[in-house]
C-alpha atoms as a PDB file:
ATOM      1  CA  UNK A   1       0.281   0.211  -0.047  1.00  0.00           C
ATOM      2  CA  UNK A   2       1.322   3.488  -0.924  1.00  0.00           C
ATOM      3  CA  UNK A   3       0.048   6.732   0.372  1.00  0.00           C
ATOM      4  CA  UNK A   4       1.081   8.708  -2.137  1.00  0.00           C
ATOM      5  CA  UNK A   5      -2.381   7.468  -4.423  1.00  0.00           C
ATOM      6  CA  UNK A   6      -4.477   8.495  -1.936  1.00  0.00           C
ATOM      7  CA  UNK A   7      -3.720  12.416  -1.276  1.00  0.00           C
ATOM      8  CA  UNK A   8      -5.397  13.935   1.414  1.00  0.00           C
ATOM      9  CA  UNK A   9      -6.920  17.406   0.741  1.00  0.00           C
ATOM     10  CA  UNK A  10      -7.479  20.289   3.443  1.00  0.00           C
ATOM     11  CA  UNK A  11      -9.471  23.181   2.159  1.00  0.00           C
ATOM     12  CA  UNK A  12      -9.336  25.768   5.158  1.00  0.00           C
ATOM     13  CA  UNK A  13     -12.159  27.054   5.386  1.00  0.00           C
ATOM     14  CA  UNK A  14     -12.453  31.128   6.697  1.00  0.00           C
ATOM     15  CA  UNK A  15     -14.843  32.405   9.118  1.00  0.00           C
ATOM     16  CA  UNK A  16     -17.809  34.316   7.425  1.00  0.00           C
ATOM     17  CA  UNK A  17     -18.128  37.822   7.285  1.00  0.00           C
ATOM     18  CA  UNK A  18     -20.247  39.777   9.320  1.00  0.00           C
ATOM     19  CA  UNK A  19     -22.580  42.116   6.965  1.00  0.00           C
ATOM     20  CA  UNK A  20     -22.904  45.767   7.639  1.00  0.00           C
ATOM     21  CA  UNK A  21     -26.436  46.863   8.834  1.00  0.00           C
ATOM     22  CA  UNK A  22     -27.917  50.009   7.891  1.00  0.00           C
ATOM     23  CA  UNK A  23     -27.496  50.747  11.825  1.00  0.00           C
ATOM     24  CA  UNK A  24     -23.969  50.351  12.116  1.00  0.00           C
ATOM     25  CA  UNK A  25     -24.006  52.972   8.996  1.00  0.00           C
ATOM     26  CA  UNK A  26     -26.233  55.438  11.039  1.00  0.00           C
ATOM     27  CA  UNK A  27     -23.994  54.907  14.288  1.00  0.00           C
ATOM     28  CA  UNK A  28     -21.039  55.537  12.226  1.00  0.00           C
ATOM     29  CA  UNK A  29     -22.392  58.553  10.164  1.00  0.00           C
ATOM     30  CA  UNK A  30     -24.017  60.356  13.315  1.00  0.00           C
ATOM     31  CA  UNK A  31     -20.784  59.717  15.323  1.00  0.00           C
ATOM     32  CA  UNK A  32     -18.943  61.001  12.266  1.00  0.00           C
ATOM     33  CA  UNK A  33     -20.850  64.520  11.987  1.00  0.00           C
ATOM     34  CA  UNK A  34     -20.882  64.594  15.731  1.00  0.00           C
ATOM     35  CA  UNK A  35     -17.074  64.543  15.780  1.00  0.00           C
ATOM     36  CA  UNK A  36     -16.672  66.801  13.255  1.00  0.00           C
ATOM     37  CA  UNK A  37     -19.800  69.258  14.870  1.00  0.00           C
ATOM     38  CA  UNK A  38     -17.682  69.201  18.318  1.00  0.00           C
ATOM     39  CA  UNK A  39     -13.897  69.991  16.315  1.00  0.00           C
ATOM     40  CA  UNK A  40     -15.649  72.713  14.339  1.00  0.00           C
ATOM     41  CA  UNK A  41     -16.768  74.566  17.815  1.00  0.00           C
ATOM     42  CA  UNK A  42     -14.229  74.227  19.345  1.00  0.00           C
ATOM     43  CA  UNK A  43     -11.971  75.148  16.421  1.00  0.00           C
ATOM     44  CA  UNK A  44     -13.951  78.360  16.356  1.00  0.00           C
ATOM     45  CA  UNK A  45     -14.030  79.179  19.844  1.00  0.00           C
ATOM     46  CA  UNK A  46     -10.539  78.998  19.788  1.00  0.00           C
ATOM     47  CA  UNK A  47     -10.913  80.797  16.811  1.00  0.00           C
ATOM     48  CA  UNK A  48     -13.133  83.799  18.137  1.00  0.00           C
ATOM     49  CA  UNK A  49     -11.121  83.753  21.522  1.00  0.00           C
ATOM     50  CA  UNK A  50      -7.786  84.430  19.499  1.00  0.00           C
ATOM     51  CA  UNK A  51      -9.652  87.905  17.866  1.00  0.00           C
ATOM     52  CA  UNK A  52     -11.140  88.591  21.276  1.00  0.00           C
ATOM     53  CA  UNK A  53      -7.626  88.685  22.571  1.00  0.00           C
ATOM     54  CA  UNK A  54      -6.417  90.716  20.099  1.00  0.00           C
ATOM     55  CA  UNK A  55      -8.455  92.921  20.659  1.00  0.00           C
ATOM     56  CA  UNK A  56      -7.918  93.502  24.065  1.00  0.00           C
ATOM     57  CA  UNK A  57      -4.251  93.772  23.306  1.00  0.00           C
ATOM     58  CA  UNK A  58      -4.427  96.582  21.462  1.00  0.00           C
ATOM     59  CA  UNK A  59      -6.609  98.137  23.401  1.00  0.00           C
ATOM     60  CA  UNK A  60      -4.553  97.473  26.291  1.00  0.00           C
ATOM     61  CA  UNK A  61      -1.398  98.724  24.663  1.00  0.00           C
ATOM     62  CA  UNK A  62      -3.652 102.042  22.681  1.00  0.00           C
ATOM     63  CA  UNK A  63      -2.495 100.139  18.945  1.00  0.00           C
ATOM     64  CA  UNK A  64      -5.294 101.433  16.185  1.00  0.00           C
ATOM     65  CA  UNK A  65      -5.763  99.690  13.254  1.00  0.00           C
ATOM     66  CA  UNK A  66      -4.279 101.441  10.697  1.00  0.00           C
ATOM     67  CA  UNK A  67      -6.574 104.258   9.360  1.00  0.00           C
ATOM     68  CA  UNK A  68      -6.754 103.427   5.728  1.00  0.00           C
ATOM     69  CA  UNK A  69      -8.499 100.088   5.497  1.00  0.00           C
ATOM     70  CA  UNK A  70     -12.286 100.151   5.356  1.00  0.00           C
ATOM     71  CA  UNK A  71     -12.845  98.906   9.124  1.00  0.00           C
ATOM     72  CA  UNK A  72     -16.258  98.768  10.357  1.00  0.00           C
ATOM     73  CA  UNK A  73     -16.814  99.078  13.539  1.00  0.00           C
ATOM     74  CA  UNK A  74     -19.979  98.029  15.313  1.00  0.00           C
ATOM     75  CA  UNK A  75     -20.613 100.349  19.058  1.00  0.00           C
END
Protein backbone atom coordinates (compact mmCIF):
# COMPACT_ATOMS: atom_id res chain seq x y z
CA UNK A 1 0.00 0.00 0.00
CA UNK A 2 1.45 3.27 -1.15
CA UNK A 3 0.43 6.49 0.67
CA UNK A 4 0.95 8.65 -2.41
CA UNK A 5 -1.93 6.96 -4.25
CA UNK A 6 -4.57 8.60 -2.00
CA UNK A 7 -3.58 12.18 -1.20
CA UNK A 8 -5.45 14.01 1.53
CA UNK A 9 -6.87 17.37 0.41
CA UNK A 10 -7.70 19.90 3.11
CA UNK A 11 -9.89 22.93 2.35
CA UNK A 12 -9.42 25.79 4.80
CA UNK A 13 -12.77 27.41 5.48
CA UNK A 14 -12.61 31.08 6.48
CA UNK A 15 -14.90 32.54 9.07
CA UNK A 16 -17.98 34.20 7.59
CA UNK A 17 -17.76 37.98 7.35
CA UNK A 18 -20.38 39.85 9.34
CA UNK A 19 -22.60 41.91 7.10
CA UNK A 20 -22.99 45.64 7.67
CA UNK A 21 -26.51 46.67 8.56
CA UNK A 22 -28.24 49.99 8.04
CA UNK A 23 -28.04 50.57 11.79
CA UNK A 24 -24.24 50.24 11.68
CA UNK A 25 -24.07 52.78 8.85
CA UNK A 26 -26.36 55.23 10.68
CA UNK A 27 -24.42 54.95 13.93
CA UNK A 28 -21.16 55.54 12.06
CA UNK A 29 -22.57 58.55 10.19
CA UNK A 30 -24.02 60.12 13.33
CA UNK A 31 -20.74 59.53 15.18
CA UNK A 32 -18.72 61.13 12.38
CA UNK A 33 -21.10 64.09 12.25
CA UNK A 34 -20.83 64.55 16.01
CA UNK A 35 -17.04 64.57 15.85
CA UNK A 36 -17.05 67.12 13.02
CA UNK A 37 -19.48 69.38 14.91
CA UNK A 38 -17.36 69.14 18.06
CA UNK A 39 -14.19 70.02 16.13
CA UNK A 40 -15.97 72.97 14.47
CA UNK A 41 -17.15 74.29 17.84
CA UNK A 42 -13.69 73.95 19.39
CA UNK A 43 -11.91 75.61 16.45
CA UNK A 44 -14.52 78.39 16.29
CA UNK A 45 -14.12 79.05 20.02
CA UNK A 46 -10.34 79.08 19.73
CA UNK A 47 -10.38 81.42 16.73
CA UNK A 48 -12.90 83.72 18.43
CA UNK A 49 -10.79 83.73 21.59
CA UNK A 50 -7.70 84.71 19.63
CA UNK A 51 -9.56 87.56 17.92
CA UNK A 52 -10.94 88.83 21.24
CA UNK A 53 -7.48 88.55 22.79
CA UNK A 54 -5.94 90.58 19.95
CA UNK A 55 -8.63 93.24 20.34
CA UNK A 56 -8.09 93.45 24.11
CA UNK A 57 -4.31 93.60 23.65
CA UNK A 58 -4.64 96.43 21.12
CA UNK A 59 -6.93 98.32 23.49
CA UNK A 60 -4.53 97.80 26.42
CA UNK A 61 -1.50 98.95 24.41
CA UNK A 62 -3.45 101.80 22.69
CA UNK A 63 -2.61 100.42 19.24
CA UNK A 64 -5.03 101.57 16.58
CA UNK A 65 -5.51 99.61 13.37
CA UNK A 66 -4.35 101.19 10.12
CA UNK A 67 -6.59 104.18 9.31
CA UNK A 68 -6.51 103.61 5.53
CA UNK A 69 -8.41 100.31 5.81
CA UNK A 70 -12.19 100.09 5.51
CA UNK A 71 -13.06 98.69 8.92
CA UNK A 72 -16.64 98.87 10.12
CA UNK A 73 -16.88 99.41 13.86
CA UNK A 74 -20.05 98.27 15.59
CA UNK A 75 -20.47 100.08 18.89
